[in-house]
């Protein structure tokens, strides 16, 4: 599953498509330096959640 051209807004990003098919991704950045992210998505009747943390070198 690939999401492209998702604009970053204050504190996260969100993309929702118009039309009959529901394609949505919503997320938020967390942590003192916004080093973590978590969110939800729905695409082609697949629902899911995700999270990630930036690794320090």
N, C-alpha and C. Protein backbone atom coordinates (compact mmCIF):
# COMPACT_ATOMS: atom_id res chain seq x y z
N UNK A 1 0.85 -1.16 0.00
CA UNK A 1 0.00 0.00 0.00
C UNK A 1 0.90 1.23 0.00
N UNK A 2 0.67 2.12 -0.90
CA UNK A 2 1.48 3.34 -1.02
C UNK A 2 0.57 4.55 -0.95
N UNK A 3 0.97 5.52 -0.16
CA UNK A 3 0.28 6.80 -0.07
C UNK A 3 1.28 7.84 -0.56
N UNK A 4 0.86 8.70 -1.44
CA UNK A 4 1.78 9.72 -1.95
C UNK A 4 1.12 11.10 -1.92
N UNK A 5 1.96 12.12 -1.94
CA UNK A 5 1.51 13.52 -1.99
C UNK A 5 0.59 13.86 -0.82
N UNK A 6 0.96 13.44 0.38
CA UNK A 6 0.17 13.76 1.57
C UNK A 6 0.76 15.01 2.21
N UNK A 7 -0.02 16.08 2.27
CA UNK A 7 0.51 17.32 2.84
C UNK A 7 0.65 17.23 4.36
N UNK A 8 1.76 17.73 4.88
CA UNK A 8 1.99 17.78 6.32
C UNK A 8 1.38 19.07 6.84
N UNK A 9 0.59 18.94 7.91
CA UNK A 9 -0.05 20.10 8.53
C UNK A 9 0.53 20.26 9.94
N UNK A 10 0.02 21.17 10.69
CA UNK A 10 0.50 21.40 12.05
C UNK A 10 0.31 20.14 12.90
N UNK A 11 1.39 19.46 13.19
CA UNK A 11 1.35 18.31 14.09
C UNK A 11 1.03 16.98 13.47
N UNK A 12 0.83 16.88 12.15
CA UNK A 12 0.53 15.59 11.54
C UNK A 12 0.21 15.71 10.07
N UNK A 13 -0.48 14.72 9.55
CA UNK A 13 -0.94 14.78 8.17
C UNK A 13 -2.25 14.03 8.03
N UNK A 14 -2.98 14.35 6.97
CA UNK A 14 -4.27 13.73 6.74
C UNK A 14 -4.58 13.79 5.26
N UNK A 15 -5.16 12.72 4.75
CA UNK A 15 -5.59 12.67 3.35
C UNK A 15 -6.88 11.86 3.30
N UNK A 16 -7.89 12.40 2.67
CA UNK A 16 -9.14 11.69 2.46
C UNK A 16 -9.55 11.88 1.01
N UNK A 17 -9.98 10.80 0.37
CA UNK A 17 -10.40 10.89 -1.03
C UNK A 17 -11.89 11.13 -1.12
N UNK A 18 -12.29 11.75 -2.19
CA UNK A 18 -13.71 11.96 -2.46
C UNK A 18 -14.22 10.78 -3.27
N UNK A 19 -15.50 10.56 -3.25
CA UNK A 19 -16.08 9.49 -4.05
C UNK A 19 -16.57 8.34 -3.21
N UNK A 20 -16.99 7.27 -3.90
CA UNK A 20 -17.58 6.13 -3.22
C UNK A 20 -16.57 5.34 -2.40
N UNK A 21 -15.35 5.18 -2.92
CA UNK A 21 -14.33 4.42 -2.19
C UNK A 21 -13.79 5.28 -1.05
N UNK A 22 -13.72 4.69 0.13
CA UNK A 22 -13.22 5.43 1.29
C UNK A 22 -11.73 5.15 1.45
N UNK A 23 -10.91 6.13 1.16
CA UNK A 23 -9.47 6.05 1.31
C UNK A 23 -9.04 7.19 2.21
N UNK A 24 -8.67 6.86 3.46
CA UNK A 24 -8.36 7.88 4.46
C UNK A 24 -7.09 7.48 5.20
N UNK A 25 -6.23 8.45 5.47
CA UNK A 25 -5.11 8.25 6.37
C UNK A 25 -5.02 9.49 7.26
N UNK A 26 -4.89 9.26 8.57
CA UNK A 26 -4.79 10.36 9.54
C UNK A 26 -3.68 10.01 10.52
N UNK A 27 -2.89 10.98 10.89
CA UNK A 27 -1.83 10.70 11.85
C UNK A 27 -1.49 11.92 12.65
N UNK A 28 -0.65 11.72 13.64
CA UNK A 28 -0.18 12.81 14.48
C UNK A 28 1.25 12.51 14.90
N UNK A 29 2.06 13.56 14.99
CA UNK A 29 3.42 13.44 15.48
C UNK A 29 3.42 13.63 16.99
N UNK A 30 4.27 12.88 17.69
CA UNK A 30 4.34 12.91 19.14
C UNK A 30 5.79 13.09 19.59
N UNK A 31 5.95 13.40 20.88
CA UNK A 31 7.27 13.52 21.47
C UNK A 31 7.75 14.95 21.49
N UNK A 32 8.76 15.25 22.32
CA UNK A 32 9.24 16.62 22.45
C UNK A 32 9.84 17.18 21.15
N UNK A 33 10.38 16.31 20.31
CA UNK A 33 10.94 16.76 19.02
C UNK A 33 10.21 16.15 17.84
N UNK A 34 8.96 15.76 18.06
CA UNK A 34 8.14 15.13 17.03
C UNK A 34 8.83 13.92 16.42
N UNK A 35 9.48 13.12 17.26
CA UNK A 35 10.23 11.97 16.77
C UNK A 35 9.40 10.69 16.67
N UNK A 36 8.13 10.74 17.04
CA UNK A 36 7.25 9.58 16.94
C UNK A 36 6.00 9.95 16.15
N UNK A 37 5.40 8.93 15.53
CA UNK A 37 4.21 9.14 14.73
C UNK A 37 3.25 7.97 14.97
N UNK A 38 1.97 8.25 14.94
CA UNK A 38 0.96 7.20 15.07
C UNK A 38 -0.28 7.62 14.32
N UNK A 39 -1.00 6.65 13.78
CA UNK A 39 -2.19 7.00 13.04
C UNK A 39 -3.03 5.81 12.63
N UNK A 40 -4.06 6.11 11.86
CA UNK A 40 -4.99 5.10 11.36
C UNK A 40 -5.18 5.28 9.86
N UNK A 41 -5.64 4.22 9.21
CA UNK A 41 -5.94 4.32 7.78
C UNK A 41 -7.07 3.38 7.42
N UNK A 42 -7.73 3.71 6.32
CA UNK A 42 -8.71 2.84 5.69
C UNK A 42 -8.52 2.96 4.20
N UNK A 43 -8.37 1.82 3.55
CA UNK A 43 -8.18 1.82 2.10
C UNK A 43 -8.68 0.51 1.53
N UNK A 44 -9.54 0.59 0.54
CA UNK A 44 -10.11 -0.60 -0.11
C UNK A 44 -10.64 -1.60 0.92
N UNK A 45 -11.38 -1.11 1.88
CA UNK A 45 -12.00 -1.89 2.95
C UNK A 45 -11.00 -2.55 3.89
N UNK A 46 -9.77 -2.06 3.91
CA UNK A 46 -8.76 -2.52 4.86
C UNK A 46 -8.58 -1.42 5.90
N UNK A 47 -8.78 -1.76 7.18
CA UNK A 47 -8.60 -0.82 8.27
C UNK A 47 -7.32 -1.17 9.00
N UNK A 48 -6.58 -0.15 9.43
CA UNK A 48 -5.36 -0.44 10.16
C UNK A 48 -4.87 0.73 10.97
N UNK A 49 -3.85 0.46 11.75
CA UNK A 49 -3.19 1.49 12.57
C UNK A 49 -1.69 1.30 12.41
N UNK A 50 -0.94 2.38 12.67
CA UNK A 50 0.51 2.29 12.54
C UNK A 50 1.17 3.21 13.54
N UNK A 51 2.41 2.95 13.81
CA UNK A 51 3.21 3.80 14.67
C UNK A 51 4.68 3.59 14.35
N UNK A 52 5.48 4.59 14.62
CA UNK A 52 6.91 4.51 14.35
C UNK A 52 7.64 5.52 15.21
N UNK A 53 8.91 5.26 15.45
CA UNK A 53 9.76 6.18 16.19
C UNK A 53 11.06 6.36 15.42
N UNK A 54 11.56 7.58 15.39
CA UNK A 54 12.81 7.86 14.71
C UNK A 54 13.96 7.23 15.49
N UNK A 55 14.84 6.53 14.80
CA UNK A 55 16.02 5.93 15.43
C UNK A 55 17.14 6.95 15.43
N UNK A 56 17.82 7.05 16.55
CA UNK A 56 18.97 7.94 16.64
C UNK A 56 20.21 7.20 16.17
N UNK A 57 21.07 7.85 15.38
CA UNK A 57 22.28 7.16 14.88
C UNK A 57 23.24 6.77 15.99
